[in-house]
Amino acid sequence: MQRTRQTIGATTYHKIKHDIVFGILPPGSKIKLDDLKARYKTSLSTLRETLHRLASEGFVDAPEQRGFFVKPVSGADLQEIADLRVLLECHALRQSILNGDTEWEGRVVAAHHKLHLMEQRLADGHDSQKETWKRYDWEFHQALISNCESANLLSLHATLFEKYLRYQMLVLTNRGEVAADEHRAMLDRALTRDADGASEILKTHIYGGLEHTINAMP
């Protein structure tokens, strides 16, 4: 019974976080527990536990005696998220390249191949699979840092990446060839074990996405 409750709680957590990240639950909106209970087919106690967890991770606001709200968005918040991403992800990338082996190379190359094919489809005007595109984008970035040998670092990075992604999904645009070229350059630097070069390109890539997203925000 305990394992069943844990499974239901984990499923509810991932569904609600997905809907926050992808804008199905809009930024700043009040979260109505009865509506969520019907939508996610779970209990009020599970919902409250889930929302408190998401509040601790920064996806939900829970002001005292006022219920739950989806975390609002702002340029200042996105800037802070980008700065933290640069700090953590560039460090993780350096460590991952230094620890790089054949298995890691295979993961990076495979992840980039999927992302590159999707970027080509977007360039050709096929923009109906943006969620898949962002999943492949995440898989490539995660593959690059996957050999950093720090579970804590990978966990922190995953949360930051999802917060960054939430802003990108709000504007639903991409930087096209520029971002694709940066991905290719990161791949090349990683495979040649150029940790400094890969980190500099990653920094440019993150801040380029930051500027693009802020300029596209309403």
C-alpha atoms as a PDB file:
ATOM      1  CA  MET A   1       0.000   0.000   0.000  1.00  0.00           C
ATOM      2  CA  GLN A   2       2.815   2.423   0.868  1.00  0.00           C
ATOM      3  CA  ARG A   3       4.553   1.676  -2.433  1.00  0.00           C
ATOM      4  CA  THR A   4       1.284   2.293  -4.304  1.00  0.00           C
ATOM      5  CA  ARG A   5       0.880   5.709  -2.643  1.00  0.00           C
ATOM      6  CA  GLN A   6       4.479   6.561  -3.508  1.00  0.00           C
ATOM      7  CA  THR A   7       3.908   5.574  -7.143  1.00  0.00           C
ATOM      8  CA  ILE A   8       0.733   7.661  -7.367  1.00  0.00           C
ATOM      9  CA  GLY A   9       2.522  10.588  -5.732  1.00  0.00           C
ATOM     10  CA  ALA A  10       5.466  10.375  -8.143  1.00  0.00           C
ATOM     11  CA  THR A  11       3.152  10.172 -11.161  1.00  0.00           C
ATOM     12  CA  THR A  12       1.128  13.164  -9.968  1.00  0.00           C
ATOM     13  CA  TYR A  13       4.304  15.132  -9.309  1.00  0.00           C
ATOM     14  CA  HIS A  14       5.671  14.538 -12.812  1.00  0.00           C
ATOM     15  CA  LYS A  15       2.334  15.327 -14.485  1.00  0.00           C
ATOM     16  CA  ILE A  16       1.837  18.614 -12.635  1.00  0.00           C
ATOM     17  CA  LYS A  17       5.433  19.716 -13.131  1.00  0.00           C
ATOM     18  CA  HIS A  18       5.172  18.901 -16.835  1.00  0.00           C
ATOM     19  CA  ASP A  19       2.015  20.995 -17.116  1.00  0.00           C
ATOM     20  CA  ILE A  20       3.705  23.912 -15.339  1.00  0.00           C
ATOM     21  CA  VAL A  21       6.849  23.719 -17.484  1.00  0.00           C
ATOM     22  CA  PHE A  22       4.880  23.490 -20.722  1.00  0.00           C
ATOM     23  CA  GLY A  23       2.438  26.259 -19.804  1.00  0.00           C
ATOM     24  CA  ILE A  24      -0.704  24.154 -19.473  1.00  0.00           C
ATOM     25  CA  LEU A  25      -0.934  25.598 -15.970  1.00  0.00           C
ATOM     26  CA  PRO A  26      -0.193  29.282 -16.760  1.00  0.00           C
ATOM     27  CA  PRO A  27       2.320  31.363 -14.778  1.00  0.00           C
ATOM     28  CA  GLY A  28       0.738  33.226 -11.870  1.00  0.00           C
ATOM     29  CA  SER A  29      -2.527  31.281 -12.017  1.00  0.00           C
ATOM     30  CA  LYS A  30      -4.216  30.083  -8.838  1.00  0.00           C
ATOM     31  CA  ILE A  31      -4.159  26.323  -8.488  1.00  0.00           C
ATOM     32  CA  LYS A  32      -7.627  25.032  -7.620  1.00  0.00           C
ATOM     33  CA  LEU A  33      -7.325  21.726  -5.819  1.00  0.00           C
ATOM     34  CA  ASP A  34     -10.750  20.437  -6.845  1.00  0.00           C
ATOM     35  CA  ASP A  35      -9.940  21.061 -10.509  1.00  0.00           C
ATOM     36  CA  LEU A  36      -6.599  19.290 -10.170  1.00  0.00           C
ATOM     37  CA  LYS A  37      -8.184  16.394  -8.321  1.00  0.00           C
ATOM     38  CA  ALA A  38     -10.461  15.775 -11.291  1.00  0.00           C
ATOM     39  CA  ARG A  39      -7.755  16.374 -13.907  1.00  0.00           C
ATOM     40  CA  TYR A  40      -5.085  14.147 -12.359  1.00  0.00           C
ATOM     41  CA  LYS A  41      -7.462  11.657 -10.706  1.00  0.00           C
ATOM     42  CA  THR A  42      -5.764  11.704  -7.339  1.00  0.00           C
ATOM     43  CA  SER A  43      -6.537  12.608  -3.738  1.00  0.00           C
ATOM     44  CA  LEU A  44      -6.386  16.040  -2.140  1.00  0.00           C
ATOM     45  CA  SER A  45      -3.690  14.864   0.272  1.00  0.00           C
ATOM     46  CA  THR A  46      -1.503  13.700  -2.623  1.00  0.00           C
ATOM     47  CA  LEU A  47      -2.068  17.009  -4.406  1.00  0.00           C
ATOM     48  CA  ARG A  48      -1.081  19.027  -1.334  1.00  0.00           C
ATOM     49  CA  GLU A  49       2.070  16.958  -0.830  1.00  0.00           C
ATOM     50  CA  THR A  50       2.947  17.367  -4.511  1.00  0.00           C
ATOM     51  CA  LEU A  51       2.360  21.121  -4.530  1.00  0.00           C
ATOM     52  CA  HIS A  52       4.457  21.617  -1.397  1.00  0.00           C
ATOM     53  CA  ARG A  53       7.254  19.669  -3.088  1.00  0.00           C
ATOM     54  CA  LEU A  54       6.969  21.806  -6.218  1.00  0.00           C
ATOM     55  CA  ALA A  55       6.970  24.916  -4.029  1.00  0.00           C
ATOM     56  CA  SER A  56      10.247  23.800  -2.444  1.00  0.00           C
ATOM     57  CA  GLU A  57      11.704  23.440  -5.952  1.00  0.00           C
ATOM     58  CA  GLY A  58      10.499  26.873  -7.082  1.00  0.00           C
ATOM     59  CA  PHE A  59       7.717  25.919  -9.515  1.00  0.00           C
ATOM     60  CA  VAL A  60       4.832  26.831  -7.192  1.00  0.00           C
ATOM     61  CA  ASP A  61       4.186  29.675  -4.727  1.00  0.00           C
ATOM     62  CA  ALA A  62       2.425  28.803  -1.481  1.00  0.00           C
ATOM     63  CA  PRO A  63       1.753  32.041   0.442  1.00  0.00           C
ATOM     64  CA  GLU A  64       0.451  31.350   3.927  1.00  0.00           C
ATOM     65  CA  GLN A  65      -3.338  30.904   4.104  1.00  0.00           C
ATOM     66  CA  ARG A  66      -3.772  31.794   0.414  1.00  0.00           C
ATOM     67  CA  GLY A  67      -3.475  28.423  -1.291  1.00  0.00           C
ATOM     68  CA  PHE A  68      -1.176  27.584  -4.198  1.00  0.00           C
ATOM     69  CA  PHE A  69      -0.195  29.549  -7.307  1.00  0.00           C
ATOM     70  CA  VAL A  70       1.935  28.685 -10.322  1.00  0.00           C
ATOM     71  CA  LYS A  71       5.208  30.568  -9.993  1.00  0.00           C
ATOM     72  CA  PRO A  72       5.041  33.848 -11.964  1.00  0.00           C
ATOM     73  CA  VAL A  73       7.648  34.638 -14.613  1.00  0.00           C
ATOM     74  CA  SER A  74       9.889  37.668 -15.002  1.00  0.00           C
ATOM     75  CA  GLY A  75      12.988  38.748 -16.874  1.00  0.00           C
ATOM     76  CA  ALA A  76      14.899  39.052 -13.601  1.00  0.00           C
ATOM     77  CA  ASP A  77      14.015  35.478 -12.624  1.00  0.00           C
ATOM     78  CA  LEU A  78      15.091  34.154 -16.026  1.00  0.00           C
ATOM     79  CA  GLN A  79      18.381  36.068 -15.783  1.00  0.00           C
ATOM     80  CA  GLU A  80      19.094  34.442 -12.416  1.00  0.00           C
ATOM     81  CA  ILE A  81      18.217  30.996 -13.762  1.00  0.00           C
ATOM     82  CA  ALA A  82      20.542  31.517 -16.746  1.00  0.00           C
ATOM     83  CA  ASP A  83      23.381  32.690 -14.496  1.00  0.00           C
ATOM     84  CA  LEU A  84      22.997  29.616 -12.306  1.00  0.00           C
ATOM     85  CA  ARG A  85      22.845  27.365 -15.362  1.00  0.00           C
ATOM     86  CA  VAL A  86      26.121  28.798 -16.608  1.00  0.00           C
ATOM     87  CA  LEU A  87      27.703  28.296 -13.190  1.00  0.00           C
ATOM     88  CA  LEU A  88      26.568  24.685 -12.774  1.00  0.00           C
ATOM     89  CA  GLU A  89      26.395  23.378 -16.321  1.00  0.00           C
ATOM     90  CA  CYS A  90      29.750  24.752 -17.465  1.00  0.00           C
ATOM     91  CA  HIS A  91      31.413  23.184 -14.415  1.00  0.00           C
ATOM     92  CA  ALA A  92      29.613  19.883 -15.009  1.00  0.00           C
ATOM     93  CA  LEU A  93      30.618  19.953 -18.689  1.00  0.00           C
ATOM     94  CA  ARG A  94      34.272  20.467 -17.834  1.00  0.00           C
ATOM     95  CA  GLN A  95      34.233  17.572 -15.386  1.00  0.00           C
ATOM     96  CA  SER A  96      32.351  15.353 -17.823  1.00  0.00           C
ATOM     97  CA  ILE A  97      34.857  16.005 -20.621  1.00  0.00           C
ATOM     98  CA  LEU A  98      37.797  15.358 -18.299  1.00  0.00           C
ATOM     99  CA  ASN A  99      36.201  12.031 -17.316  1.00  0.00           C
ATOM    100  CA  GLY A 100      35.123  11.265 -20.879  1.00  0.00           C
ATOM    101  CA  ASP A 101      35.237   7.700 -22.189  1.00  0.00           C
ATOM    102  CA  THR A 102      33.910   5.755 -25.163  1.00  0.00           C
ATOM    103  CA  GLU A 103      30.509   5.073 -23.565  1.00  0.00           C
ATOM    104  CA  TRP A 104      30.060   8.777 -22.854  1.00  0.00           C
ATOM    105  CA  GLU A 105      31.068   9.692 -26.415  1.00  0.00           C
ATOM    106  CA  GLY A 106      28.444   7.300 -27.737  1.00  0.00           C
ATOM    107  CA  ARG A 107      25.703   8.899 -25.611  1.00  0.00           C
ATOM    108  CA  VAL A 108      26.690  12.393 -26.715  1.00  0.00           C
ATOM    109  CA  VAL A 109      26.858  11.527 -30.415  1.00  0.00           C
ATOM    110  CA  ALA A 110      23.516   9.672 -30.328  1.00  0.00           C
ATOM    111  CA  ALA A 111      21.785  12.512 -28.470  1.00  0.00           C
ATOM    112  CA  HIS A 112      23.146  15.099 -30.886  1.00  0.00           C
ATOM    113  CA  HIS A 113      22.034  13.067 -33.897  1.00  0.00           C
ATOM    114  CA  LYS A 114      18.411  13.058 -32.697  1.00  0.00           C
ATOM    115  CA  LEU A 115      18.536  16.768 -31.880  1.00  0.00           C
ATOM    116  CA  HIS A 116      20.135  17.659 -35.208  1.00  0.00           C
ATOM    117  CA  LEU A 117      17.445  15.842 -37.188  1.00  0.00           C
ATOM    118  CA  MET A 118      14.758  17.697 -35.243  1.00  0.00           C
ATOM    119  CA  GLU A 119      16.509  21.033 -35.776  1.00  0.00           C
ATOM    120  CA  GLN A 120      16.543  20.335 -39.512  1.00  0.00           C
ATOM    121  CA  ARG A 121      12.802  19.653 -39.434  1.00  0.00           C
ATOM    122  CA  LEU A 122      12.199  22.948 -37.621  1.00  0.00           C
ATOM    123  CA  ALA A 123      14.351  24.767 -40.161  1.00  0.00           C
ATOM    124  CA  ASP A 124      12.200  23.272 -42.927  1.00  0.00           C
ATOM    125  CA  GLY A 125       9.060  24.694 -41.305  1.00  0.00           C
ATOM    126  CA  HIS A 126       7.815  21.590 -39.476  1.00  0.00           C
ATOM    127  CA  ASP A 127       7.117  23.140 -36.071  1.00  0.00           C
ATOM    128  CA  SER A 128       4.427  20.829 -34.703  1.00  0.00           C
ATOM    129  CA  GLN A 129       6.805  18.800 -32.515  1.00  0.00           C
ATOM    130  CA  LYS A 130       8.229  21.459 -30.265  1.00  0.00           C
ATOM    131  CA  GLU A 131       7.886  19.365 -27.130  1.00  0.00           C
ATOM    132  CA  THR A 132       9.874  16.574 -28.788  1.00  0.00           C
ATOM    133  CA  TRP A 133      12.465  19.120 -29.935  1.00  0.00           C
ATOM    134  CA  LYS A 134      12.938  20.386 -26.388  1.00  0.00           C
ATOM    135  CA  ARG A 135      13.153  16.837 -25.062  1.00  0.00           C
ATOM    136  CA  TYR A 136      15.944  16.102 -27.527  1.00  0.00           C
ATOM    137  CA  ASP A 137      17.599  19.392 -26.558  1.00  0.00           C
ATOM    138  CA  TRP A 138      17.505  18.342 -22.899  1.00  0.00           C
ATOM    139  CA  GLU A 139      18.848  14.868 -23.741  1.00  0.00           C
ATOM    140  CA  PHE A 140      21.820  16.368 -25.583  1.00  0.00           C
ATOM    141  CA  HIS A 141      22.726  18.780 -22.790  1.00  0.00           C
ATOM    142  CA  GLN A 142      22.248  16.027 -20.214  1.00  0.00           C
ATOM    143  CA  ALA A 143      24.431  13.627 -22.219  1.00  0.00           C
ATOM    144  CA  LEU A 144      27.225  16.202 -22.388  1.00  0.00           C
ATOM    145  CA  ILE A 145      27.401  16.508 -18.592  1.00  0.00           C
ATOM    146  CA  SER A 146      26.417  12.924 -17.745  1.00  0.00           C
ATOM    147  CA  ASN A 147      30.003  11.916 -16.958  1.00  0.00           C
ATOM    148  CA  CYS A 148      30.610  14.625 -14.349  1.00  0.00           C
ATOM    149  CA  GLU A 149      30.379  11.965 -11.616  1.00  0.00           C
ATOM    150  CA  SER A 150      28.163  14.035  -9.317  1.00  0.00           C
ATOM    151  CA  ALA A 151      24.567  12.963  -8.717  1.00  0.00           C
ATOM    152  CA  ASN A 152      23.897  16.143  -6.744  1.00  0.00           C
ATOM    153  CA  LEU A 153      25.133  18.340  -9.582  1.00  0.00           C
ATOM    154  CA  LEU A 154      23.039  16.485 -12.147  1.00  0.00           C
ATOM    155  CA  SER A 155      19.941  16.811  -9.951  1.00  0.00           C
ATOM    156  CA  LEU A 156      20.412  20.553  -9.444  1.00  0.00           C
ATOM    157  CA  HIS A 157      21.045  21.033 -13.154  1.00  0.00           C
ATOM    158  CA  ALA A 158      17.873  19.129 -14.091  1.00  0.00           C
ATOM    159  CA  THR A 159      15.736  21.443 -11.967  1.00  0.00           C
ATOM    160  CA  LEU A 160      17.388  24.565 -13.392  1.00  0.00           C
ATOM    161  CA  PHE A 161      17.017  23.294 -16.949  1.00  0.00           C
ATOM    162  CA  GLU A 162      13.287  22.746 -16.433  1.00  0.00           C
ATOM    163  CA  LYS A 163      12.904  26.277 -15.059  1.00  0.00           C
ATOM    164  CA  TYR A 164      14.784  27.642 -18.081  1.00  0.00           C
ATOM    165  CA  LEU A 165      12.661  25.484 -20.398  1.00  0.00           C
ATOM    166  CA  ARG A 166       9.454  26.902 -18.930  1.00  0.00           C
ATOM    167  CA  TYR A 167      10.388  30.327 -20.242  1.00  0.00           C
ATOM    168  CA  GLN A 168      11.319  28.959 -23.655  1.00  0.00           C
ATOM    169  CA  MET A 169       7.969  27.209 -23.957  1.00  0.00           C
ATOM    170  CA  LEU A 170       6.163  30.448 -23.149  1.00  0.00           C
ATOM    171  CA  VAL A 171       7.546  32.147 -26.254  1.00  0.00           C
ATOM    172  CA  LEU A 172       7.575  29.019 -28.477  1.00  0.00           C
ATOM    173  CA  THR A 173      10.376  30.242 -30.717  1.00  0.00           C
ATOM    174  CA  ASN A 174      13.900  29.016 -31.378  1.00  0.00           C
ATOM    175  CA  ARG A 175      17.158  30.579 -32.567  1.00  0.00           C
ATOM    176  CA  GLY A 176      17.332  28.311 -35.580  1.00  0.00           C
ATOM    177  CA  GLU A 177      20.689  27.854 -37.283  1.00  0.00           C
ATOM    178  CA  VAL A 178      22.594  29.804 -34.627  1.00  0.00           C
ATOM    179  CA  ALA A 179      21.599  27.406 -31.841  1.00  0.00           C
ATOM    180  CA  ALA A 180      22.130  24.374 -34.099  1.00  0.00           C
ATOM    181  CA  ASP A 181      25.656  25.557 -34.920  1.00  0.00           C
ATOM    182  CA  GLU A 182      26.382  26.015 -31.216  1.00  0.00           C
ATOM    183  CA  HIS A 183      25.189  22.476 -30.494  1.00  0.00           C
ATOM    184  CA  ARG A 184      27.457  21.115 -33.231  1.00  0.00           C
ATOM    185  CA  ALA A 185      30.402  23.137 -31.928  1.00  0.00           C
ATOM    186  CA  MET A 186      29.856  21.833 -28.391  1.00  0.00           C
ATOM    187  CA  LEU A 187      29.797  18.290 -29.751  1.00  0.00           C
ATOM    188  CA  ASP A 188      33.042  18.814 -31.651  1.00  0.00           C
ATOM    189  CA  ARG A 189      34.823  20.366 -28.651  1.00  0.00           C
ATOM    190  CA  ALA A 190      33.595  17.609 -26.367  1.00  0.00           C
ATOM    191  CA  LEU A 191      34.823  14.844 -28.662  1.00  0.00           C
ATOM    192  CA  THR A 192      38.263  16.473 -28.944  1.00  0.00           C
ATOM    193  CA  ARG A 193      38.327  16.894 -25.130  1.00  0.00           C
ATOM    194  CA  ASP A 194      38.514  20.696 -25.385  1.00  0.00           C
ATOM    195  CA  ALA A 195      36.875  21.457 -22.032  1.00  0.00           C
ATOM    196  CA  ASP A 196      37.636  25.190 -22.121  1.00  0.00           C
ATOM    197  CA  GLY A 197      36.310  25.622 -25.655  1.00  0.00           C
ATOM    198  CA  ALA A 198      33.165  23.602 -24.992  1.00  0.00           C
ATOM    199  CA  SER A 199      32.433  25.575 -21.825  1.00  0.00           C
ATOM    200  CA  GLU A 200      32.794  28.913 -23.610  1.00  0.00           C
ATOM    201  CA  ILE A 201      30.415  27.828 -26.360  1.00  0.00           C
ATOM    202  CA  LEU A 202      27.943  26.568 -23.766  1.00  0.00           C
ATOM    203  CA  LYS A 203      28.072  29.917 -21.956  1.00  0.00           C
ATOM    204  CA  THR A 204      27.410  31.751 -25.243  1.00  0.00           C
ATOM    205  CA  HIS A 205      24.601  29.300 -26.004  1.00  0.00           C
ATOM    206  CA  ILE A 206      22.826  29.827 -22.685  1.00  0.00           C
ATOM    207  CA  TYR A 207      23.078  33.605 -22.749  1.00  0.00           C
ATOM    208  CA  GLY A 208      22.016  33.669 -26.399  1.00  0.00           C
ATOM    209  CA  GLY A 209      18.892  31.751 -25.435  1.00  0.00           C
ATOM    210  CA  LEU A 210      18.344  34.122 -22.515  1.00  0.00           C
ATOM    211  CA  GLU A 211      18.464  37.202 -24.747  1.00  0.00           C
ATOM    212  CA  HIS A 212      16.234  35.598 -27.371  1.00  0.00           C
ATOM    213  CA  THR A 213      13.621  34.555 -24.814  1.00  0.00           C
ATOM    214  CA  ILE A 214      13.534  37.902 -22.993  1.00  0.00           C
ATOM    215  CA  ASN A 215      13.128  39.743 -26.296  1.00  0.00           C
ATOM    216  CA  ALA A 216      10.236  37.440 -27.239  1.00  0.00           C
ATOM    217  CA  MET A 217       8.426  37.643 -23.897  1.00  0.00           C
ATOM    218  CA  PRO A 218       5.222  39.736 -23.895  1.00  0.00           C
END
